[in-house]
């Protein structure tokens, strides 16, 4: 939703404060889930956690077009923000997969590519896909007149789909594209990757090669560790 906030703000008549509130909700959920995902990675492994979080995040991403108020935007961005916590699995995973001689470089590359991916996604959605979807829907003759009307926000509320402006139709549907990509990525990770060089956590635990660990105990030990 981030690259489309200007359009969403204009179409729904939101204030800057309401946009800021949605941004705070998105960042807040990311921070909270980063604390949660670490211990869960210790218990279930990064493969399952990465797949689950991505599979979950694709749902609110696809539902961005259902936003109709400031509260809706806060909820959607809060749920999408959970996807930002995949940074934890990314760093956890690369730390498990590479030896200490190169793990720093591996973490840097993984983190850098992750941040680049987030930026490219916003660029592609905002500068490529949104204009493309807008062109597909075509311009509506009355849209500019409505926007010049002081009562435009009130007159356009609850408009049926076929009377919406092309720009609004575009931002209400364009997020389906990244949602589908996210869902496919989650599916691919679950079926074509492993938790560690020795295999998946559940297999290692079944064979006695790895002890079972409680997520609660993992969090407690990490919190009380002086190195943390």
C-alpha atoms as a PDB file:
ATOM      1  CA  UNK A   1       0.000   0.000   0.000  1.00  0.00           C
ATOM      2  CA  UNK A   2       2.916   2.362   0.661  1.00  0.00           C
ATOM      3  CA  UNK A   3       3.586   3.465  -2.954  1.00  0.00           C
ATOM      4  CA  UNK A   4      -0.155   4.081  -3.441  1.00  0.00           C
ATOM      5  CA  UNK A   5      -0.772   6.201  -0.352  1.00  0.00           C
ATOM      6  CA  UNK A   6      -1.109   9.434  -2.308  1.00  0.00           C
ATOM      7  CA  UNK A   7      -3.936   7.969  -4.375  1.00  0.00           C
ATOM      8  CA  UNK A   8      -5.580   6.308  -1.380  1.00  0.00           C
ATOM      9  CA  UNK A   9      -5.375   9.517   0.638  1.00  0.00           C
ATOM     10  CA  UNK A  10      -7.027  11.521  -2.132  1.00  0.00           C
ATOM     11  CA  UNK A  11      -9.762   9.033  -2.970  1.00  0.00           C
ATOM     12  CA  UNK A  12     -10.766   8.370   0.637  1.00  0.00           C
ATOM     13  CA  UNK A  13     -10.293  11.941   1.847  1.00  0.00           C
ATOM     14  CA  UNK A  14      -7.809  10.965   4.574  1.00  0.00           C
ATOM     15  CA  UNK A  15      -5.691  13.384   6.591  1.00  0.00           C
ATOM     16  CA  UNK A  16      -1.912  13.307   6.947  1.00  0.00           C
ATOM     17  CA  UNK A  17      -2.336  12.183  10.551  1.00  0.00           C
ATOM     18  CA  UNK A  18      -4.430   9.216   9.476  1.00  0.00           C
ATOM     19  CA  UNK A  19      -1.774   8.232   6.939  1.00  0.00           C
ATOM     20  CA  UNK A  20       0.883   8.532   9.644  1.00  0.00           C
ATOM     21  CA  UNK A  21      -1.202   6.351  11.953  1.00  0.00           C
ATOM     22  CA  UNK A  22      -1.325   3.633   9.307  1.00  0.00           C
ATOM     23  CA  UNK A  23       2.448   3.856   8.841  1.00  0.00           C
ATOM     24  CA  UNK A  24       2.996   3.551  12.594  1.00  0.00           C
ATOM     25  CA  UNK A  25       0.737   0.484  12.678  1.00  0.00           C
ATOM     26  CA  UNK A  26       2.720  -1.127   9.863  1.00  0.00           C
ATOM     27  CA  UNK A  27       6.103  -0.525  11.483  1.00  0.00           C
ATOM     28  CA  UNK A  28       4.777  -1.500  14.914  1.00  0.00           C
ATOM     29  CA  UNK A  29       3.558  -4.911  13.760  1.00  0.00           C
ATOM     30  CA  UNK A  30       6.889  -5.532  12.027  1.00  0.00           C
ATOM     31  CA  UNK A  31       8.848  -4.773  15.206  1.00  0.00           C
ATOM     32  CA  UNK A  32       6.582  -6.917  17.388  1.00  0.00           C
ATOM     33  CA  UNK A  33       6.728  -9.910  15.046  1.00  0.00           C
ATOM     34  CA  UNK A  34      10.506  -9.714  14.817  1.00  0.00           C
ATOM     35  CA  UNK A  35      10.649 -10.487  18.548  1.00  0.00           C
ATOM     36  CA  UNK A  36       8.232 -13.387  18.037  1.00  0.00           C
ATOM     37  CA  UNK A  37       9.790 -14.930  14.945  1.00  0.00           C
ATOM     38  CA  UNK A  38      13.250 -15.453  16.409  1.00  0.00           C
ATOM     39  CA  UNK A  39      12.197 -18.038  19.024  1.00  0.00           C
ATOM     40  CA  UNK A  40       9.793 -19.627  16.542  1.00  0.00           C
ATOM     41  CA  UNK A  41      12.690 -20.091  14.107  1.00  0.00           C
ATOM     42  CA  UNK A  42      14.579 -21.912  16.850  1.00  0.00           C
ATOM     43  CA  UNK A  43      11.616 -24.254  17.302  1.00  0.00           C
ATOM     44  CA  UNK A  44      10.278 -24.789  13.784  1.00  0.00           C
ATOM     45  CA  UNK A  45      13.120 -23.645  11.541  1.00  0.00           C
ATOM     46  CA  UNK A  46      13.369 -20.678   9.155  1.00  0.00           C
ATOM     47  CA  UNK A  47      11.864 -22.538   6.184  1.00  0.00           C
ATOM     48  CA  UNK A  48       8.447 -23.055   7.755  1.00  0.00           C
ATOM     49  CA  UNK A  49       8.394 -19.639   9.400  1.00  0.00           C
ATOM     50  CA  UNK A  50       9.363 -17.822   6.199  1.00  0.00           C
ATOM     51  CA  UNK A  51       6.699 -19.682   4.221  1.00  0.00           C
ATOM     52  CA  UNK A  52       3.995 -19.078   6.837  1.00  0.00           C
ATOM     53  CA  UNK A  53       4.667 -15.369   7.192  1.00  0.00           C
ATOM     54  CA  UNK A  54       4.779 -14.835   3.428  1.00  0.00           C
ATOM     55  CA  UNK A  55       1.607 -16.882   2.932  1.00  0.00           C
ATOM     56  CA  UNK A  56      -0.120 -14.813   5.609  1.00  0.00           C
ATOM     57  CA  UNK A  57       1.128 -11.449   4.311  1.00  0.00           C
ATOM     58  CA  UNK A  58      -0.127 -12.084   0.781  1.00  0.00           C
ATOM     59  CA  UNK A  59      -3.738 -12.094   2.056  1.00  0.00           C
ATOM     60  CA  UNK A  60      -3.929  -8.502   3.387  1.00  0.00           C
ATOM     61  CA  UNK A  61      -1.816  -7.392   0.431  1.00  0.00           C
ATOM     62  CA  UNK A  62      -4.441  -8.742  -1.960  1.00  0.00           C
ATOM     63  CA  UNK A  63      -7.192  -7.130   0.146  1.00  0.00           C
ATOM     64  CA  UNK A  64      -5.709  -3.624  -0.072  1.00  0.00           C
ATOM     65  CA  UNK A  65      -8.418  -2.720  -2.563  1.00  0.00           C
ATOM     66  CA  UNK A  66     -11.140  -3.269   0.049  1.00  0.00           C
ATOM     67  CA  UNK A  67      -9.973  -0.284   2.113  1.00  0.00           C
ATOM     68  CA  UNK A  68     -12.802   2.192   2.612  1.00  0.00           C
ATOM     69  CA  UNK A  69     -11.747   4.213   5.677  1.00  0.00           C
ATOM     70  CA  UNK A  70      -8.807   5.253   7.841  1.00  0.00           C
ATOM     71  CA  UNK A  71      -9.463   2.337  10.200  1.00  0.00           C
ATOM     72  CA  UNK A  72      -9.394  -0.107   7.299  1.00  0.00           C
ATOM     73  CA  UNK A  73      -6.065   1.311   6.144  1.00  0.00           C
ATOM     74  CA  UNK A  74      -4.559   0.976   9.626  1.00  0.00           C
ATOM     75  CA  UNK A  75      -5.661  -2.655   9.874  1.00  0.00           C
ATOM     76  CA  UNK A  76      -4.463  -3.588   6.382  1.00  0.00           C
ATOM     77  CA  UNK A  77      -1.058  -1.939   6.826  1.00  0.00           C
ATOM     78  CA  UNK A  78      -0.657  -3.505  10.270  1.00  0.00           C
ATOM     79  CA  UNK A  79      -1.270  -6.960   8.801  1.00  0.00           C
ATOM     80  CA  UNK A  80       0.977  -6.306   5.805  1.00  0.00           C
ATOM     81  CA  UNK A  81       3.663  -5.112   8.222  1.00  0.00           C
ATOM     82  CA  UNK A  82       3.884  -8.621   9.620  1.00  0.00           C
ATOM     83  CA  UNK A  83       5.492  -9.562   6.308  1.00  0.00           C
ATOM     84  CA  UNK A  84       8.342  -7.195   7.106  1.00  0.00           C
ATOM     85  CA  UNK A  85       9.397  -9.499   9.930  1.00  0.00           C
ATOM     86  CA  UNK A  86      10.739 -11.974   7.354  1.00  0.00           C
ATOM     87  CA  UNK A  87      14.030 -10.116   7.818  1.00  0.00           C
ATOM     88  CA  UNK A  88      14.508 -12.238  10.943  1.00  0.00           C
ATOM     89  CA  UNK A  89      14.200 -15.516   9.036  1.00  0.00           C
ATOM     90  CA  UNK A  90      16.481 -14.156   6.330  1.00  0.00           C
ATOM     91  CA  UNK A  91      19.316 -13.409   8.765  1.00  0.00           C
ATOM     92  CA  UNK A  92      18.682 -16.546  10.826  1.00  0.00           C
ATOM     93  CA  UNK A  93      18.736 -18.713   7.712  1.00  0.00           C
ATOM     94  CA  UNK A  94      21.917 -17.282   6.238  1.00  0.00           C
ATOM     95  CA  UNK A  95      23.651 -17.609   9.618  1.00  0.00           C
ATOM     96  CA  UNK A  96      22.765 -21.317   9.682  1.00  0.00           C
ATOM     97  CA  UNK A  97      23.765 -21.982   6.080  1.00  0.00           C
ATOM     98  CA  UNK A  98      27.249 -20.388   6.023  1.00  0.00           C
ATOM     99  CA  UNK A  99      30.407 -20.915   8.072  1.00  0.00           C
ATOM    100  CA  UNK A 100      31.802 -18.283  10.407  1.00  0.00           C
ATOM    101  CA  UNK A 101      34.479 -17.341   7.869  1.00  0.00           C
ATOM    102  CA  UNK A 102      31.917 -15.997   5.385  1.00  0.00           C
ATOM    103  CA  UNK A 103      28.698 -15.601   7.395  1.00  0.00           C
ATOM    104  CA  UNK A 104      29.170 -11.837   7.756  1.00  0.00           C
ATOM    105  CA  UNK A 105      29.348 -11.409   3.996  1.00  0.00           C
ATOM    106  CA  UNK A 106      26.384 -13.749   3.539  1.00  0.00           C
ATOM    107  CA  UNK A 107      24.266 -11.810   6.041  1.00  0.00           C
ATOM    108  CA  UNK A 108      25.190  -8.510   4.424  1.00  0.00           C
ATOM    109  CA  UNK A 109      24.266  -9.753   0.954  1.00  0.00           C
ATOM    110  CA  UNK A 110      20.980 -11.285   2.132  1.00  0.00           C
ATOM    111  CA  UNK A 111      19.987  -8.194   4.097  1.00  0.00           C
ATOM    112  CA  UNK A 112      21.025  -5.893   1.257  1.00  0.00           C
ATOM    113  CA  UNK A 113      19.107  -7.836  -1.379  1.00  0.00           C
ATOM    114  CA  UNK A 114      16.089  -7.913   0.936  1.00  0.00           C
ATOM    115  CA  UNK A 115      16.085  -4.132   1.334  1.00  0.00           C
ATOM    116  CA  UNK A 116      16.660  -3.692  -2.389  1.00  0.00           C
ATOM    117  CA  UNK A 117      13.723  -5.985  -3.096  1.00  0.00           C
ATOM    118  CA  UNK A 118      11.449  -3.882  -0.906  1.00  0.00           C
ATOM    119  CA  UNK A 119      12.513  -0.725  -2.712  1.00  0.00           C
ATOM    120  CA  UNK A 120      12.169  -2.273  -6.159  1.00  0.00           C
ATOM    121  CA  UNK A 121       8.691  -3.546  -5.264  1.00  0.00           C
ATOM    122  CA  UNK A 122       7.537  -0.053  -4.338  1.00  0.00           C
ATOM    123  CA  UNK A 123       9.116   1.342  -7.489  1.00  0.00           C
ATOM    124  CA  UNK A 124       7.542  -1.288  -9.750  1.00  0.00           C
ATOM    125  CA  UNK A 125       4.087  -1.058  -8.160  1.00  0.00           C
ATOM    126  CA  UNK A 126       4.011   2.729  -7.994  1.00  0.00           C
ATOM    127  CA  UNK A 127       5.785   3.642 -11.217  1.00  0.00           C
ATOM    128  CA  UNK A 128       5.019   0.726 -13.534  1.00  0.00           C
ATOM    129  CA  UNK A 129       2.051  -1.409 -12.505  1.00  0.00           C
ATOM    130  CA  UNK A 130      -0.182   1.376 -11.213  1.00  0.00           C
ATOM    131  CA  UNK A 131       0.082   3.491 -14.412  1.00  0.00           C
ATOM    132  CA  UNK A 132      -0.397   0.309 -16.450  1.00  0.00           C
ATOM    133  CA  UNK A 133      -3.570  -0.661 -14.580  1.00  0.00           C
ATOM    134  CA  UNK A 134      -4.810   2.923 -14.792  1.00  0.00           C
ATOM    135  CA  UNK A 135      -4.326   2.905 -18.558  1.00  0.00           C
ATOM    136  CA  UNK A 136      -6.138  -0.418 -18.849  1.00  0.00           C
ATOM    137  CA  UNK A 137      -9.190   0.903 -17.045  1.00  0.00           C
ATOM    138  CA  UNK A 138      -9.107   4.162 -18.999  1.00  0.00           C
ATOM    139  CA  UNK A 139      -9.876   7.679 -17.800  1.00  0.00           C
ATOM    140  CA  UNK A 140     -13.353   8.636 -16.749  1.00  0.00           C
ATOM    141  CA  UNK A 141     -14.585  11.973 -18.131  1.00  0.00           C
ATOM    142  CA  UNK A 142     -16.097  13.189 -14.870  1.00  0.00           C
ATOM    143  CA  UNK A 143     -13.165  12.379 -12.583  1.00  0.00           C
ATOM    144  CA  UNK A 144     -11.318  15.651 -12.947  1.00  0.00           C
ATOM    145  CA  UNK A 145     -14.551  17.580 -12.442  1.00  0.00           C
ATOM    146  CA  UNK A 146     -15.304  15.609  -9.296  1.00  0.00           C
ATOM    147  CA  UNK A 147     -11.839  16.294  -7.906  1.00  0.00           C
ATOM    148  CA  UNK A 148     -12.349  20.035  -8.427  1.00  0.00           C
ATOM    149  CA  UNK A 149     -15.597  19.932  -6.465  1.00  0.00           C
ATOM    150  CA  UNK A 150     -15.304  20.838  -2.756  1.00  0.00           C
ATOM    151  CA  UNK A 151     -17.880  18.154  -1.962  1.00  0.00           C
ATOM    152  CA  UNK A 152     -16.140  15.532  -4.104  1.00  0.00           C
ATOM    153  CA  UNK A 153     -15.219  13.277  -1.166  1.00  0.00           C
ATOM    154  CA  UNK A 154     -18.824  13.152   0.002  1.00  0.00           C
ATOM    155  CA  UNK A 155     -20.280  12.595  -3.458  1.00  0.00           C
ATOM    156  CA  UNK A 156     -17.961   9.693  -4.334  1.00  0.00           C
ATOM    157  CA  UNK A 157     -18.462   7.638  -1.189  1.00  0.00           C
ATOM    158  CA  UNK A 158     -19.913   4.177  -1.746  1.00  0.00           C
ATOM    159  CA  UNK A 159     -19.758   4.573  -5.522  1.00  0.00           C
ATOM    160  CA  UNK A 160     -20.351   1.352  -7.454  1.00  0.00           C
ATOM    161  CA  UNK A 161     -17.337  -0.126  -9.236  1.00  0.00           C
ATOM    162  CA  UNK A 162     -18.390   0.944 -12.738  1.00  0.00           C
ATOM    163  CA  UNK A 163     -18.545   4.630 -11.724  1.00  0.00           C
ATOM    164  CA  UNK A 164     -15.141   4.780  -9.995  1.00  0.00           C
ATOM    165  CA  UNK A 165     -12.273   6.701 -11.559  1.00  0.00           C
ATOM    166  CA  UNK A 166      -9.619   4.711 -13.387  1.00  0.00           C
ATOM    167  CA  UNK A 167      -7.010   5.689 -10.793  1.00  0.00           C
ATOM    168  CA  UNK A 168      -9.124   4.318  -7.965  1.00  0.00           C
ATOM    169  CA  UNK A 169      -9.832   1.089  -9.812  1.00  0.00           C
ATOM    170  CA  UNK A 170      -6.092   0.788 -10.402  1.00  0.00           C
ATOM    171  CA  UNK A 171      -4.968   1.086  -6.779  1.00  0.00           C
ATOM    172  CA  UNK A 172      -7.795  -1.193  -5.655  1.00  0.00           C
ATOM    173  CA  UNK A 173      -6.598  -4.013  -7.910  1.00  0.00           C
ATOM    174  CA  UNK A 174      -2.873  -3.551  -8.540  1.00  0.00           C
ATOM    175  CA  UNK A 175      -1.801  -5.053  -5.190  1.00  0.00           C
ATOM    176  CA  UNK A 176      -3.095  -8.428  -6.349  1.00  0.00           C
ATOM    177  CA  UNK A 177       0.115  -8.726  -8.397  1.00  0.00           C
ATOM    178  CA  UNK A 178       2.599  -8.580  -5.477  1.00  0.00           C
ATOM    179  CA  UNK A 179       0.192 -10.752  -3.467  1.00  0.00           C
ATOM    180  CA  UNK A 180       0.364 -13.510  -6.092  1.00  0.00           C
ATOM    181  CA  UNK A 181       4.162 -13.220  -6.289  1.00  0.00           C
ATOM    182  CA  UNK A 182       4.376 -13.488  -2.499  1.00  0.00           C
ATOM    183  CA  UNK A 183       2.123 -16.557  -2.428  1.00  0.00           C
ATOM    184  CA  UNK A 184       4.201 -18.292  -5.113  1.00  0.00           C
ATOM    185  CA  UNK A 185       7.405 -17.451  -3.246  1.00  0.00           C
ATOM    186  CA  UNK A 186       6.006 -18.959  -0.034  1.00  0.00           C
ATOM    187  CA  UNK A 187       5.035 -22.135  -1.892  1.00  0.00           C
ATOM    188  CA  UNK A 188       8.456 -22.422  -3.564  1.00  0.00           C
ATOM    189  CA  UNK A 189      10.363 -21.911  -0.298  1.00  0.00           C
ATOM    190  CA  UNK A 190       8.317 -24.550   1.519  1.00  0.00           C
ATOM    191  CA  UNK A 191       8.842 -27.168  -1.161  1.00  0.00           C
ATOM    192  CA  UNK A 192      12.343 -26.458  -2.438  1.00  0.00           C
ATOM    193  CA  UNK A 193      14.517 -25.427   0.497  1.00  0.00           C
ATOM    194  CA  UNK A 194      15.995 -26.780   3.738  1.00  0.00           C
ATOM    195  CA  UNK A 195      16.515 -25.282   7.186  1.00  0.00           C
ATOM    196  CA  UNK A 196      20.209 -26.063   7.416  1.00  0.00           C
ATOM    197  CA  UNK A 197      23.036 -27.778   5.524  1.00  0.00           C
ATOM    198  CA  UNK A 198      22.189 -31.007   7.376  1.00  0.00           C
ATOM    199  CA  UNK A 199      18.503 -30.924   6.472  1.00  0.00           C
ATOM    200  CA  UNK A 200      15.173 -29.718   7.867  1.00  0.00           C
ATOM    201  CA  UNK A 201      14.692 -29.269  11.582  1.00  0.00           C
ATOM    202  CA  UNK A 202      11.850 -31.772  11.879  1.00  0.00           C
ATOM    203  CA  UNK A 203      13.946 -34.468  10.217  1.00  0.00           C
ATOM    204  CA  UNK A 204      16.947 -33.740  12.433  1.00  0.00           C
ATOM    205  CA  UNK A 205      14.755 -33.893  15.543  1.00  0.00           C
ATOM    206  CA  UNK A 206      13.168 -37.180  14.451  1.00  0.00           C
ATOM    207  CA  UNK A 207      16.614 -38.710  13.943  1.00  0.00           C
ATOM    208  CA  UNK A 208      17.913 -37.391  17.261  1.00  0.00           C
ATOM    209  CA  UNK A 209      20.485 -35.172  15.564  1.00  0.00           C
ATOM    210  CA  UNK A 210      18.937 -32.024  17.028  1.00  0.00           C
ATOM    211  CA  UNK A 211      17.264 -31.453  20.416  1.00  0.00           C
ATOM    212  CA  UNK A 212      13.713 -30.126  20.600  1.00  0.00           C
ATOM    213  CA  UNK A 213      13.486 -26.618  22.005  1.00  0.00           C
ATOM    214  CA  UNK A 214      10.656 -24.539  23.383  1.00  0.00           C
ATOM    215  CA  UNK A 215      10.081 -21.147  21.769  1.00  0.00           C
ATOM    216  CA  UNK A 216       9.444 -19.709  25.246  1.00  0.00           C
ATOM    217  CA  UNK A 217      12.717 -21.049  26.616  1.00  0.00           C
ATOM    218  CA  UNK A 218      14.547 -19.820  23.545  1.00  0.00           C
ATOM    219  CA  UNK A 219      13.186 -16.306  24.028  1.00  0.00           C
ATOM    220  CA  UNK A 220      14.031 -16.366  27.753  1.00  0.00           C
ATOM    221  CA  UNK A 221      17.591 -17.537  27.171  1.00  0.00           C
ATOM    222  CA  UNK A 222      18.105 -14.937  24.474  1.00  0.00           C
ATOM    223  CA  UNK A 223      16.658 -12.141  26.597  1.00  0.00           C
ATOM    224  CA  UNK A 224      18.870 -12.960  29.574  1.00  0.00           C
ATOM    225  CA  UNK A 225      22.023 -13.523  27.547  1.00  0.00           C
ATOM    226  CA  UNK A 226      24.481 -10.668  28.182  1.00  0.00           C
ATOM    227  CA  UNK A 227      25.561 -10.766  24.535  1.00  0.00           C
ATOM    228  CA  UNK A 228      22.017  -9.872  23.505  1.00  0.00           C
END
